[in-house]
C-alpha cells in the first residue's frame, strides 16, 4: 500500500524550493561575516584597552591568546590580557548598574595578576 499525498508536485513548487534553498545559502554566508567583524572588533577593543594601561601586546599576540596559544610578553601583560579576554567573554552576565557585578568583573580582570601575590 503506497501513500498518495493530497497534492501534486508541480514545476512551480520545485522552482520555489530551489529559490528558497538559494536564499538560505545566501543567509548562511551573510551570517558568518558579522562573526568575523565582531572578532576583529573584539581584538581592536582588547588591544586598545590594554594599551591604555601600558600593555604592549599587539593584535597578533591577542589573536594568539584568543586561540589558546602561548605568546611572548611579560607575565603581567599576558595576565592582564587573559583577564580582559575572560571578562569580555562574560560581559553579558553583568548588570552595569550593580556594584556587586562591578566587583565581580574587577575580580575577573585581576585574578590572573594576583595569582603570584
PDB file of N, CA and C in Angstrom:
ATOM      1  N   UNK A   1       0.837  -1.173   0.000  1.00  0.00           N
ATOM      2  CA  UNK A   1       0.000   0.000   0.000  1.00  0.00           C
ATOM      3  C   UNK A   1       0.890   1.247   0.000  1.00  0.00           C
ATOM      4  N   UNK A   2       0.815   2.068  -0.998  1.00  0.00           N
ATOM      5  CA  UNK A   2       1.634   3.281  -1.056  1.00  0.00           C
ATOM      6  C   UNK A   2       0.783   4.507  -0.736  1.00  0.00           C
ATOM      7  N   UNK A   3       1.452   5.453  -0.150  1.00  0.00           N
ATOM      8  CA  UNK A   3       0.770   6.694   0.259  1.00  0.00           C
ATOM      9  C   UNK A   3       0.687   7.632  -0.932  1.00  0.00           C
ATOM     10  N   UNK A   4      -0.432   8.235  -1.128  1.00  0.00           N
ATOM     11  CA  UNK A   4      -0.632   9.222  -2.178  1.00  0.00           C
ATOM     12  C   UNK A   4      -0.935  10.562  -1.515  1.00  0.00           C
ATOM     13  N   UNK A   5      -0.008  11.561  -1.591  1.00  0.00           N
ATOM     14  CA  UNK A   5      -0.266  12.859  -0.967  1.00  0.00           C
ATOM     15  C   UNK A   5      -1.475  13.541  -1.608  1.00  0.00           C
ATOM     16  N   UNK A   6      -2.126  14.420  -0.847  1.00  0.00           N
ATOM     17  CA  UNK A   6      -3.329  15.090  -1.366  1.00  0.00           C
ATOM     18  C   UNK A   6      -3.005  16.273  -2.284  1.00  0.00           C
ATOM     19  N   UNK A   7      -1.831  16.263  -2.878  1.00  0.00           N
ATOM     20  CA  UNK A   7      -1.449  17.342  -3.788  1.00  0.00           C
ATOM     21  C   UNK A   7      -0.532  16.770  -4.864  1.00  0.00           C
ATOM     22  N   UNK A   8      -0.304  17.553  -5.891  1.00  0.00           N
ATOM     23  CA  UNK A   8       0.596  17.161  -6.977  1.00  0.00           C
ATOM     24  C   UNK A   8       1.780  18.114  -6.990  1.00  0.00           C
ATOM     25  N   UNK A   9       2.971  17.546  -7.050  1.00  0.00           N
ATOM     26  CA  UNK A   9       4.182  18.379  -7.110  1.00  0.00           C
ATOM     27  C   UNK A   9       4.296  18.942  -8.516  1.00  0.00           C
ATOM     28  N   UNK A  10       4.378  20.254  -8.581  1.00  0.00           N
ATOM     29  CA  UNK A  10       4.439  20.933  -9.875  1.00  0.00           C
ATOM     30  C   UNK A  10       5.832  21.529 -10.083  1.00  0.00           C
ATOM     31  N   UNK A  11       6.101  21.945 -11.306  1.00  0.00           N
ATOM     32  CA  UNK A  11       7.383  22.591 -11.600  1.00  0.00           C
ATOM     33  C   UNK A  11       7.490  23.922 -10.854  1.00  0.00           C
ATOM     34  N   UNK A  12       6.360  24.581 -10.644  1.00  0.00           N
ATOM     35  CA  UNK A  12       6.370  25.834  -9.882  1.00  0.00           C
ATOM     36  C   UNK A  12       6.842  25.582  -8.448  1.00  0.00           C
ATOM     37  N   UNK A  13       6.367  24.496  -7.833  1.00  0.00           N
ATOM     38  CA  UNK A  13       6.790  24.142  -6.470  1.00  0.00           C
ATOM     39  C   UNK A  13       8.299  23.865  -6.429  1.00  0.00           C
ATOM     40  N   UNK A  14       8.779  23.135  -7.394  1.00  0.00           N
ATOM     41  CA  UNK A  14      10.210  22.809  -7.443  1.00  0.00           C
ATOM     42  C   UNK A  14      11.044  24.078  -7.593  1.00  0.00           C
ATOM     43  N   UNK A  15      10.581  25.004  -8.446  1.00  0.00           N
ATOM     44  CA  UNK A  15      11.289  26.277  -8.615  1.00  0.00           C
ATOM     45  C   UNK A  15      11.296  27.086  -7.313  1.00  0.00           C
ATOM     46  N   UNK A  16      10.172  27.088  -6.611  1.00  0.00           N
ATOM     47  CA  UNK A  16      10.101  27.809  -5.336  1.00  0.00           C
ATOM     48  C   UNK A  16      11.053  27.186  -4.305  1.00  0.00           C
ATOM     49  N   UNK A  17      11.090  25.866  -4.249  1.00  0.00           N
ATOM     50  CA  UNK A  17      12.013  25.178  -3.334  1.00  0.00           C
ATOM     51  C   UNK A  17      13.456  25.532  -3.675  1.00  0.00           C
ATOM     52  N   UNK A  18      13.757  25.569  -4.949  1.00  0.00           N
ATOM     53  CA  UNK A  18      15.098  25.935  -5.406  1.00  0.00           C
ATOM     54  C   UNK A  18      15.449  27.368  -4.980  1.00  0.00           C
ATOM     55  N   UNK A  19      14.503  28.290  -5.170  1.00  0.00           N
ATOM     56  CA  UNK A  19      14.719  29.687  -4.760  1.00  0.00           C
ATOM     57  C   UNK A  19      14.945  29.797  -3.252  1.00  0.00           C
ATOM     58  N   UNK A  20      14.158  29.075  -2.492  1.00  0.00           N
ATOM     59  CA  UNK A  20      14.299  29.095  -1.025  1.00  0.00           C
ATOM     60  C   UNK A  20      15.672  28.566  -0.625  1.00  0.00           C
ATOM     61  N   UNK A  21      16.106  27.471  -1.234  1.00  0.00           N
ATOM     62  CA  UNK A  21      17.415  26.893  -0.931  1.00  0.00           C
ATOM     63  C   UNK A  21      18.534  27.888  -1.230  1.00  0.00           C
ATOM     64  N   UNK A  22      18.409  28.572  -2.353  1.00  0.00           N
ATOM     65  CA  UNK A  22      19.413  29.575  -2.731  1.00  0.00           C
ATOM     66  C   UNK A  22      19.466  30.707  -1.699  1.00  0.00           C
ATOM     67  N   UNK A  23      18.301  31.184  -1.280  1.00  0.00           N
ATOM     68  CA  UNK A  23      18.236  32.266  -0.286  1.00  0.00           C
ATOM     69  C   UNK A  23      18.833  31.819   1.046  1.00  0.00           C
ATOM     70  N   UNK A  24      18.548  30.587   1.458  1.00  0.00           N
ATOM     71  CA  UNK A  24      19.107  30.071   2.708  1.00  0.00           C
ATOM     72  C   UNK A  24      20.631  30.020   2.640  1.00  0.00           C
ATOM     73  N   UNK A  25      21.159  29.643   1.491  1.00  0.00           N
ATOM     74  CA  UNK A  25      22.612  29.642   1.304  1.00  0.00           C
ATOM     75  C   UNK A  25      23.189  31.040   1.435  1.00  0.00           C
ATOM     76  N   UNK A  26      22.511  32.027   0.875  1.00  0.00           N
ATOM     77  CA  UNK A  26      22.972  33.411   0.979  1.00  0.00           C
ATOM     78  C   UNK A  26      22.941  33.897   2.419  1.00  0.00           C
ATOM     79  N   UNK A  27      21.901  33.541   3.158  1.00  0.00           N
ATOM     80  CA  UNK A  27      21.781  33.959   4.558  1.00  0.00           C
ATOM     81  C   UNK A  27      22.904  33.363   5.389  1.00  0.00           C
ATOM     82  N   UNK A  28      23.253  32.101   5.166  1.00  0.00           N
ATOM     83  CA  UNK A  28      24.305  31.478   5.968  1.00  0.00           C
ATOM     84  C   UNK A  28      25.653  32.146   5.708  1.00  0.00           C
ATOM     85  N   UNK A  29      25.900  32.577   4.472  1.00  0.00           N
ATOM     86  CA  UNK A  29      27.142  33.297   4.167  1.00  0.00           C
ATOM     87  C   UNK A  29      27.135  34.657   4.848  1.00  0.00           C
ATOM     88  N   UNK A  30      26.035  35.366   4.785  1.00  0.00           N
ATOM     89  CA  UNK A  30      25.919  36.699   5.396  1.00  0.00           C
ATOM     90  C   UNK A  30      26.086  36.611   6.908  1.00  0.00           C
ATOM     91  N   UNK A  31      25.564  35.561   7.525  1.00  0.00           N
ATOM     92  CA  UNK A  31      25.641  35.436   8.974  1.00  0.00           C
ATOM     93  C   UNK A  31      27.068  35.211   9.451  1.00  0.00           C
ATOM     94  N   UNK A  32      27.947  34.658   8.626  1.00  0.00           N
ATOM     95  CA  UNK A  32      29.340  34.447   9.027  1.00  0.00           C
ATOM     96  C   UNK A  32      30.113  35.758   9.073  1.00  0.00           C
ATOM     97  N   UNK A  33      29.779  36.704   8.227  1.00  0.00           N
ATOM     98  CA  UNK A  33      30.502  37.974   8.173  1.00  0.00           C
ATOM     99  C   UNK A  33      30.438  38.756   9.491  1.00  0.00           C
ATOM    100  N   UNK A  34      29.256  38.917  10.120  1.00  0.00           N
ATOM    101  CA  UNK A  34      29.230  39.647  11.388  1.00  0.00           C
ATOM    102  C   UNK A  34      30.102  38.993  12.458  1.00  0.00           C
ATOM    103  N   UNK A  35      30.244  37.669  12.430  1.00  0.00           N
ATOM    104  CA  UNK A  35      31.099  36.998  13.397  1.00  0.00           C
ATOM    105  C   UNK A  35      32.538  37.442  13.198  1.00  0.00           C
ATOM    106  N   UNK A  36      32.991  37.519  11.948  1.00  0.00           N
ATOM    107  CA  UNK A  36      34.348  37.986  11.660  1.00  0.00           C
ATOM    108  C   UNK A  36      34.519  39.433  12.115  1.00  0.00           C
ATOM    109  N   UNK A  37      33.500  40.251  11.838  1.00  0.00           N
ATOM    110  CA  UNK A  37      33.573  41.658  12.239  1.00  0.00           C
ATOM    111  C   UNK A  37      33.593  41.796  13.758  1.00  0.00           C
ATOM    112  N   UNK A  38      32.774  40.977  14.453  1.00  0.00           N
ATOM    113  CA  UNK A  38      32.768  41.033  15.911  1.00  0.00           C
ATOM    114  C   UNK A  38      34.112  40.631  16.484  1.00  0.00           C
ATOM    115  N   UNK A  39      34.731  39.593  15.908  1.00  0.00           N
ATOM    116  CA  UNK A  39      36.039  39.156  16.410  1.00  0.00           C
ATOM    117  C   UNK A  39      37.081  40.244  16.158  1.00  0.00           C
ATOM    118  N   UNK A  40      37.058  40.849  14.984  1.00  0.00           N
ATOM    119  CA  UNK A  40      38.008  41.927  14.677  1.00  0.00           C
ATOM    120  C   UNK A  40      37.798  43.102  15.627  1.00  0.00           C
ATOM    121  N   UNK A  41      36.543  43.415  15.901  1.00  0.00           N
ATOM    122  CA  UNK A  41      36.229  44.497  16.832  1.00  0.00           C
ATOM    123  C   UNK A  41      36.698  44.160  18.238  1.00  0.00           C
ATOM    124  N   UNK A  42      36.484  42.913  18.659  1.00  0.00           N
ATOM    125  CA  UNK A  42      36.930  42.476  19.974  1.00  0.00           C
ATOM    126  C   UNK A  42      38.442  42.618  20.099  1.00  0.00           C
ATOM    127  N   UNK A  43      39.164  42.194  19.082  1.00  0.00           N
ATOM    128  CA  UNK A  43      40.628  42.258  19.115  1.00  0.00           C
ATOM    129  C   UNK A  43      41.089  43.706  19.239  1.00  0.00           C
ATOM    130  N   UNK A  44      40.522  44.588  18.428  1.00  0.00           N
ATOM    131  CA  UNK A  44      40.909  46.002  18.494  1.00  0.00           C
ATOM    132  C   UNK A  44      40.543  46.615  19.850  1.00  0.00           C
ATOM    133  N   UNK A  45      39.395  46.238  20.392  1.00  0.00           N
ATOM    134  CA  UNK A  45      38.975  46.741  21.694  1.00  0.00           C
ATOM    135  C   UNK A  45      39.929  46.271  22.783  1.00  0.00           C
ATOM    136  N   UNK A  46      40.280  44.998  22.758  1.00  0.00           N
ATOM    137  CA  UNK A  46      41.204  44.457  23.760  1.00  0.00           C
ATOM    138  C   UNK A  46      42.563  45.145  23.685  1.00  0.00           C
ATOM    139  N   UNK A  47      43.087  45.266  22.474  1.00  0.00           N
ATOM    140  CA  UNK A  47      44.405  45.899  22.304  1.00  0.00           C
ATOM    141  C   UNK A  47      44.357  47.344  22.795  1.00  0.00           C
ATOM    142  N   UNK A  48      43.336  48.085  22.405  1.00  0.00           N
ATOM    143  CA  UNK A  48      43.225  49.486  22.819  1.00  0.00           C
ATOM    144  C   UNK A  48      43.072  49.630  24.321  1.00  0.00           C
ATOM    145  N   UNK A  49      42.232  48.798  24.921  1.00  0.00           N
ATOM    146  CA  UNK A  49      42.015  48.850  26.367  1.00  0.00           C
ATOM    147  C   UNK A  49      43.301  48.524  27.115  1.00  0.00           C
ATOM    148  N   UNK A  50      43.991  47.499  26.655  1.00  0.00           N
ATOM    149  CA  UNK A  50      45.232  47.098  27.327  1.00  0.00           C
ATOM    150  C   UNK A  50      46.328  48.154  27.141  1.00  0.00           C
ATOM    151  N   UNK A  51      46.376  48.794  25.981  1.00  0.00           N
ATOM    152  CA  UNK A  51      47.390  49.818  25.741  1.00  0.00           C
ATOM    153  C   UNK A  51      47.208  51.026  26.648  1.00  0.00           C
ATOM    154  N   UNK A  52      45.961  51.318  27.018  1.00  0.00           N
ATOM    155  CA  UNK A  52      45.709  52.417  27.957  1.00  0.00           C
ATOM    156  C   UNK A  52      46.452  52.169  29.261  1.00  0.00           C
ATOM    157  N   UNK A  53      46.546  50.888  29.633  1.00  0.00           N
ATOM    158  CA  UNK A  53      47.241  50.511  30.873  1.00  0.00           C
ATOM    159  C   UNK A  53      48.735  50.294  30.657  1.00  0.00           C
ATOM    160  N   UNK A  54      49.235  50.587  29.461  1.00  0.00           N
ATOM    161  CA  UNK A  54      50.664  50.441  29.190  1.00  0.00           C
ATOM    162  C   UNK A  54      51.065  49.061  28.684  1.00  0.00           C
ATOM    163  N   UNK A  55      50.102  48.227  28.388  1.00  0.00           N
ATOM    164  CA  UNK A  55      50.378  46.885  27.900  1.00  0.00           C
ATOM    165  C   UNK A  55      50.821  46.975  26.438  1.00  0.00           C
ATOM    166  N   UNK A  56      51.878  46.242  26.070  1.00  0.00           N
ATOM    167  CA  UNK A  56      52.426  46.340  24.715  1.00  0.00           C
ATOM    168  C   UNK A  56      52.044  45.174  23.804  1.00  0.00           C
ATOM    169  N   UNK A  57      51.157  44.290  24.262  1.00  0.00           N
ATOM    170  CA  UNK A  57      50.749  43.185  23.399  1.00  0.00           C
ATOM    171  C   UNK A  57      49.984  43.730  22.198  1.00  0.00           C
ATOM    172  N   UNK A  58      50.367  43.270  21.014  1.00  0.00           N
ATOM    173  CA  UNK A  58      49.740  43.756  19.787  1.00  0.00           C
ATOM    174  C   UNK A  58      48.615  42.818  19.342  1.00  0.00           C
ATOM    175  N   UNK A  59      47.984  43.162  18.226  1.00  0.00           N
ATOM    176  CA  UNK A  59      46.850  42.374  17.726  1.00  0.00           C
ATOM    177  C   UNK A  59      47.230  40.916  17.475  1.00  0.00           C
ATOM    178  N   UNK A  60      48.401  40.702  16.913  1.00  0.00           N
ATOM    179  CA  UNK A  60      48.844  39.338  16.610  1.00  0.00           C
ATOM    180  C   UNK A  60      48.921  38.489  17.883  1.00  0.00           C
ATOM    181  N   UNK A  61      49.436  39.064  18.945  1.00  0.00           N
ATOM    182  CA  UNK A  61      49.554  38.312  20.206  1.00  0.00           C
ATOM    183  C   UNK A  61      48.187  38.107  20.867  1.00  0.00           C
ATOM    184  N   UNK A  62      47.315  39.093  20.759  1.00  0.00           N
ATOM    185  CA  UNK A  62      45.970  38.943  21.318  1.00  0.00           C
ATOM    186  C   UNK A  62      45.219  37.840  20.568  1.00  0.00           C
ATOM    187  N   UNK A  63      45.366  37.798  19.251  1.00  0.00           N
ATOM    188  CA  UNK A  63      44.748  36.735  18.459  1.00  0.00           C
ATOM    189  C   UNK A  63      45.270  35.377  18.910  1.00  0.00           C
ATOM    190  N   UNK A  64      46.570  35.286  19.124  1.00  0.00           N
ATOM    191  CA  UNK A  64      47.166  34.024  19.584  1.00  0.00           C
ATOM    192  C   UNK A  64      46.591  33.623  20.943  1.00  0.00           C
ATOM    193  N   UNK A  65      46.452  34.585  21.855  1.00  0.00           N
ATOM    194  CA  UNK A  65      45.857  34.282  23.167  1.00  0.00           C
ATOM    195  C   UNK A  65      44.408  33.817  23.015  1.00  0.00           C
ATOM    196  N   UNK A  66      43.653  34.476  22.145  1.00  0.00           N
ATOM    197  CA  UNK A  66      42.267  34.069  21.901  1.00  0.00           C
ATOM    198  C   UNK A  66      42.197  32.649  21.350  1.00  0.00           C
ATOM    199  N   UNK A  67      43.218  32.266  20.612  1.00  0.00           N
ATOM    200  CA  UNK A  67      43.276  30.919  20.041  1.00  0.00           C
ATOM    201  C   UNK A  67      43.882  29.906  21.011  1.00  0.00           C
ATOM    202  N   UNK A  68      44.193  30.360  22.239  1.00  0.00           N
ATOM    203  CA  UNK A  68      44.719  29.456  23.256  1.00  0.00           C
ATOM    204  C   UNK A  68      46.203  29.173  23.137  1.00  0.00           C
ATOM    205  N   UNK A  69      46.907  29.991  22.397  1.00  0.00           N
ATOM    206  CA  UNK A  69      48.348  29.786  22.205  1.00  0.00           C
ATOM    207  C   UNK A  69      49.142  30.583  23.224  1.00  0.00           C
ATOM    208  N   UNK A  70      50.385  30.195  23.400  1.00  0.00           N
ATOM    209  CA  UNK A  70      51.294  30.940  24.271  1.00  0.00           C
ATOM    210  C   UNK A  70      51.895  32.086  23.468  1.00  0.00           C
ATOM    211  N   UNK A  71      52.146  33.199  24.150  1.00  0.00           N
ATOM    212  CA  UNK A  71      52.712  34.362  23.462  1.00  0.00           C
ATOM    213  C   UNK A  71      53.910  34.890  24.229  1.00  0.00           C
ATOM    214  N   UNK A  72      54.726  35.624  23.508  1.00  0.00           N
ATOM    215  CA  UNK A  72      55.882  36.270  24.106  1.00  0.00           C
ATOM    216  C   UNK A  72      55.448  37.607  24.684  1.00  0.00           C
ATOM    217  N   UNK A  73      55.696  37.810  25.946  1.00  0.00           N
ATOM    218  CA  UNK A  73      55.334  39.039  26.637  1.00  0.00           C
ATOM    219  C   UNK A  73      55.639  38.862  28.113  1.00  0.00           C
ATOM    220  N   UNK A  74      55.571  39.943  28.843  1.00  0.00           N
ATOM    221  CA  UNK A  74      55.828  39.812  30.277  1.00  0.00           C
ATOM    222  C   UNK A  74      54.677  39.052  30.931  1.00  0.00           C
ATOM    223  N   UNK A  75      54.964  38.468  32.077  1.00  0.00           N
ATOM    224  CA  UNK A  75      53.945  37.727  32.809  1.00  0.00           C
ATOM    225  C   UNK A  75      52.753  38.640  33.099  1.00  0.00           C
ATOM    226  N   UNK A  76      53.045  39.884  33.484  1.00  0.00           N
ATOM    227  CA  UNK A  76      51.984  40.838  33.804  1.00  0.00           C
ATOM    228  C   UNK A  76      51.113  41.155  32.585  1.00  0.00           C
ATOM    229  N   UNK A  77      51.757  41.398  31.436  1.00  0.00           N
ATOM    230  CA  UNK A  77      50.992  41.733  30.224  1.00  0.00           C
ATOM    231  C   UNK A  77      50.082  40.583  29.799  1.00  0.00           C
ATOM    232  N   UNK A  78      50.609  39.374  29.843  1.00  0.00           N
ATOM    233  CA  UNK A  78      49.811  38.209  29.457  1.00  0.00           C
ATOM    234  C   UNK A  78      48.658  38.012  30.447  1.00  0.00           C
ATOM    235  N   UNK A  79      48.935  38.193  31.742  1.00  0.00           N
ATOM    236  CA  UNK A  79      47.892  38.047  32.767  1.00  0.00           C
ATOM    237  C   UNK A  79      46.797  39.098  32.572  1.00  0.00           C
ATOM    238  N   UNK A  80      47.197  40.334  32.296  1.00  0.00           N
ATOM    239  CA  UNK A  80      46.205  41.396  32.030  1.00  0.00           C
ATOM    240  C   UNK A  80      45.337  41.031  30.835  1.00  0.00           C
ATOM    241  N   UNK A  81      45.971  40.557  29.781  1.00  0.00           N
ATOM    242  CA  UNK A  81      45.239  40.209  28.561  1.00  0.00           C
ATOM    243  C   UNK A  81      44.278  39.045  28.813  1.00  0.00           C
ATOM    244  N   UNK A  82      44.729  38.029  29.525  1.00  0.00           N
ATOM    245  CA  UNK A  82      43.855  36.891  29.810  1.00  0.00           C
ATOM    246  C   UNK A  82      42.646  37.320  30.643  1.00  0.00           C
ATOM    247  N   UNK A  83      42.878  38.189  31.633  1.00  0.00           N
ATOM    248  CA  UNK A  83      41.769  38.695  32.434  1.00  0.00           C
ATOM    249  C   UNK A  83      40.786  39.485  31.597  1.00  0.00           C
ATOM    250  N   UNK A  84      41.298  40.335  30.707  1.00  0.00           N
ATOM    251  CA  UNK A  84      40.436  41.144  29.842  1.00  0.00           C
ATOM    252  C   UNK A  84      39.649  40.251  28.876  1.00  0.00           C
ATOM    253  N   UNK A  85      40.299  39.236  28.330  1.00  0.00           N
ATOM    254  CA  UNK A  85      39.625  38.314  27.411  1.00  0.00           C
ATOM    255  C   UNK A  85      38.494  37.584  28.132  1.00  0.00           C
ATOM    256  N   UNK A  86      38.781  37.091  29.334  1.00  0.00           N
ATOM    257  CA  UNK A  86      37.726  36.380  30.075  1.00  0.00           C
ATOM    258  C   UNK A  86      36.559  37.304  30.395  1.00  0.00           C
ATOM    259  N   UNK A  87      36.882  38.540  30.802  1.00  0.00           N
ATOM    260  CA  UNK A  87      35.806  39.478  31.128  1.00  0.00           C
ATOM    261  C   UNK A  87      34.951  39.784  29.896  1.00  0.00           C
ATOM    262  N   UNK A  88      35.569  40.034  28.755  1.00  0.00           N
ATOM    263  CA  UNK A  88      34.803  40.305  27.541  1.00  0.00           C
ATOM    264  C   UNK A  88      33.948  39.102  27.149  1.00  0.00           C
ATOM    265  N   UNK A  89      34.465  37.891  27.382  1.00  0.00           N
ATOM    266  CA  UNK A  89      33.671  36.688  27.088  1.00  0.00           C
ATOM    267  C   UNK A  89      32.432  36.604  27.968  1.00  0.00           C
ATOM    268  N   UNK A  90      32.514  37.136  29.182  1.00  0.00           N
ATOM    269  CA  UNK A  90      31.412  37.014  30.148  1.00  0.00           C
ATOM    270  C   UNK A  90      30.640  38.320  30.340  1.00  0.00           C
ATOM    271  N   UNK A  91      30.900  39.300  29.538  1.00  0.00           N
ATOM    272  CA  UNK A  91      30.345  40.641  29.715  1.00  0.00           C
ATOM    273  C   UNK A  91      28.825  40.668  29.837  1.00  0.00           C
ATOM    274  N   UNK A  92      28.143  39.822  29.108  1.00  0.00           N
ATOM    275  CA  UNK A  92      26.675  39.839  29.120  1.00  0.00           C
ATOM    276  C   UNK A  92      26.090  39.321  30.433  1.00  0.00           C
ATOM    277  N   UNK A  93      26.932  38.719  31.279  1.00  0.00           N
ATOM    278  CA  UNK A  93      26.465  38.215  32.569  1.00  0.00           C
ATOM    279  C   UNK A  93      26.245  39.336  33.589  1.00  0.00           C
ATOM    280  N   UNK A  94      26.789  40.510  33.311  1.00  0.00           N
ATOM    281  CA  UNK A  94      26.830  41.564  34.310  1.00  0.00           C
ATOM    282  C   UNK A  94      25.823  42.673  34.064  1.00  0.00           C
ATOM    283  N   UNK A  95      25.330  43.222  35.162  1.00  0.00           N
ATOM    284  CA  UNK A  95      24.470  44.398  35.139  1.00  0.00           C
ATOM    285  C   UNK A  95      25.360  45.599  35.449  1.00  0.00           C
ATOM    286  N   UNK A  96      25.497  46.499  34.495  1.00  0.00           N
ATOM    287  CA  UNK A  96      26.421  47.612  34.676  1.00  0.00           C
ATOM    288  C   UNK A  96      26.025  48.543  35.821  1.00  0.00           C
ATOM    289  N   UNK A  97      24.793  48.434  36.323  1.00  0.00           N
ATOM    290  CA  UNK A  97      24.339  49.279  37.428  1.00  0.00           C
ATOM    291  C   UNK A  97      24.589  48.638  38.794  1.00  0.00           C
ATOM    292  N   UNK A  98      25.059  47.394  38.798  1.00  0.00           N
ATOM    293  CA  UNK A  98      25.205  46.644  40.044  1.00  0.00           C
ATOM    294  C   UNK A  98      26.622  46.754  40.599  1.00  0.00           C
ATOM    295  N   UNK A  99      26.722  47.190  41.841  1.00  0.00           N
ATOM    296  CA  UNK A  99      28.027  47.277  42.491  1.00  0.00           C
ATOM    297  C   UNK A  99      28.624  45.871  42.652  1.00  0.00           C
ATOM    298  N   UNK A 100      27.786  44.898  42.958  1.00  0.00           N
ATOM    299  CA  UNK A 100      28.250  43.516  43.102  1.00  0.00           C
ATOM    300  C   UNK A 100      28.850  43.012  41.793  1.00  0.00           C
ATOM    301  N   UNK A 101      28.179  43.310  40.683  1.00  0.00           N
ATOM    302  CA  UNK A 101      28.703  42.884  39.384  1.00  0.00           C
ATOM    303  C   UNK A 101      29.983  43.634  39.020  1.00  0.00           C
ATOM    304  N   UNK A 102      30.092  44.879  39.406  1.00  0.00           N
ATOM    305  CA  UNK A 102      31.319  45.637  39.186  1.00  0.00           C
ATOM    306  C   UNK A 102      32.482  44.959  39.909  1.00  0.00           C
ATOM    307  N   UNK A 103      32.252  44.563  41.150  1.00  0.00           N
ATOM    308  CA  UNK A 103      33.295  43.894  41.919  1.00  0.00           C
ATOM    309  C   UNK A 103      33.643  42.530  41.318  1.00  0.00           C
ATOM    310  N   UNK A 104      32.632  41.805  40.845  1.00  0.00           N
ATOM    311  CA  UNK A 104      32.887  40.512  40.191  1.00  0.00           C
ATOM    312  C   UNK A 104      33.735  40.707  38.933  1.00  0.00           C
ATOM    313  N   UNK A 105      33.393  41.731  38.150  1.00  0.00           N
ATOM    314  CA  UNK A 105      34.145  41.964  36.917  1.00  0.00           C
ATOM    315  C   UNK A 105      35.584  42.383  37.226  1.00  0.00           C
ATOM    316  N   UNK A 106      35.768  43.164  38.261  1.00  0.00           N
ATOM    317  CA  UNK A 106      37.122  43.562  38.671  1.00  0.00           C
ATOM    318  C   UNK A 106      37.918  42.337  39.112  1.00  0.00           C
ATOM    319  N   UNK A 107      37.268  41.437  39.820  1.00  0.00           N
ATOM    320  CA  UNK A 107      37.931  40.206  40.257  1.00  0.00           C
ATOM    321  C   UNK A 107      38.411  39.400  39.054  1.00  0.00           C
ATOM    322  N   UNK A 108      37.570  39.304  38.030  1.00  0.00           N
ATOM    323  CA  UNK A 108      37.956  38.578  36.821  1.00  0.00           C
ATOM    324  C   UNK A 108      39.172  39.225  36.172  1.00  0.00           C
ATOM    325  N   UNK A 109      39.170  40.545  36.088  1.00  0.00           N
ATOM    326  CA  UNK A 109      40.306  41.259  35.498  1.00  0.00           C
ATOM    327  C   UNK A 109      41.594  41.026  36.277  1.00  0.00           C
ATOM    328  N   UNK A 110      41.476  40.959  37.589  1.00  0.00           N
ATOM    329  CA  UNK A 110      42.664  40.911  38.444  1.00  0.00           C
ATOM    330  C   UNK A 110      43.129  39.500  38.806  1.00  0.00           C
ATOM    331  N   UNK A 111      42.293  38.484  38.628  1.00  0.00           N
ATOM    332  CA  UNK A 111      42.626  37.156  39.160  1.00  0.00           C
ATOM    333  C   UNK A 111      43.933  36.600  38.603  1.00  0.00           C
ATOM    334  N   UNK A 112      44.217  36.795  37.333  1.00  0.00           N
ATOM    335  CA  UNK A 112      45.481  36.313  36.766  1.00  0.00           C
ATOM    336  C   UNK A 112      46.665  37.101  37.318  1.00  0.00           C
ATOM    337  N   UNK A 113      46.466  38.390  37.512  1.00  0.00           N
ATOM    338  CA  UNK A 113      47.539  39.246  38.025  1.00  0.00           C
ATOM    339  C   UNK A 113      47.899  38.922  39.460  1.00  0.00           C
ATOM    340  N   UNK A 114      46.925  38.529  40.244  1.00  0.00           N
ATOM    341  CA  UNK A 114      47.130  38.329  41.674  1.00  0.00           C
ATOM    342  C   UNK A 114      47.489  36.887  42.042  1.00  0.00           C
ATOM    343  N   UNK A 115      47.619  36.009  41.077  1.00  0.00           N
ATOM    344  CA  UNK A 115      47.918  34.609  41.369  1.00  0.00           C
ATOM    345  C   UNK A 115      49.243  34.432  42.097  1.00  0.00           C
ATOM    346  N   UNK A 116      50.221  35.219  41.751  1.00  0.00           N
ATOM    347  CA  UNK A 116      51.550  35.048  42.337  1.00  0.00           C
ATOM    348  C   UNK A 116      51.799  35.907  43.565  1.00  0.00           C
ATOM    349  N   UNK A 117      50.795  36.666  43.994  1.00  0.00           N
ATOM    350  CA  UNK A 117      50.965  37.544  45.160  1.00  0.00           C
ATOM    351  C   UNK A 117      50.801  36.793  46.456  1.00  0.00           C
TER     352      UNK A 117
END
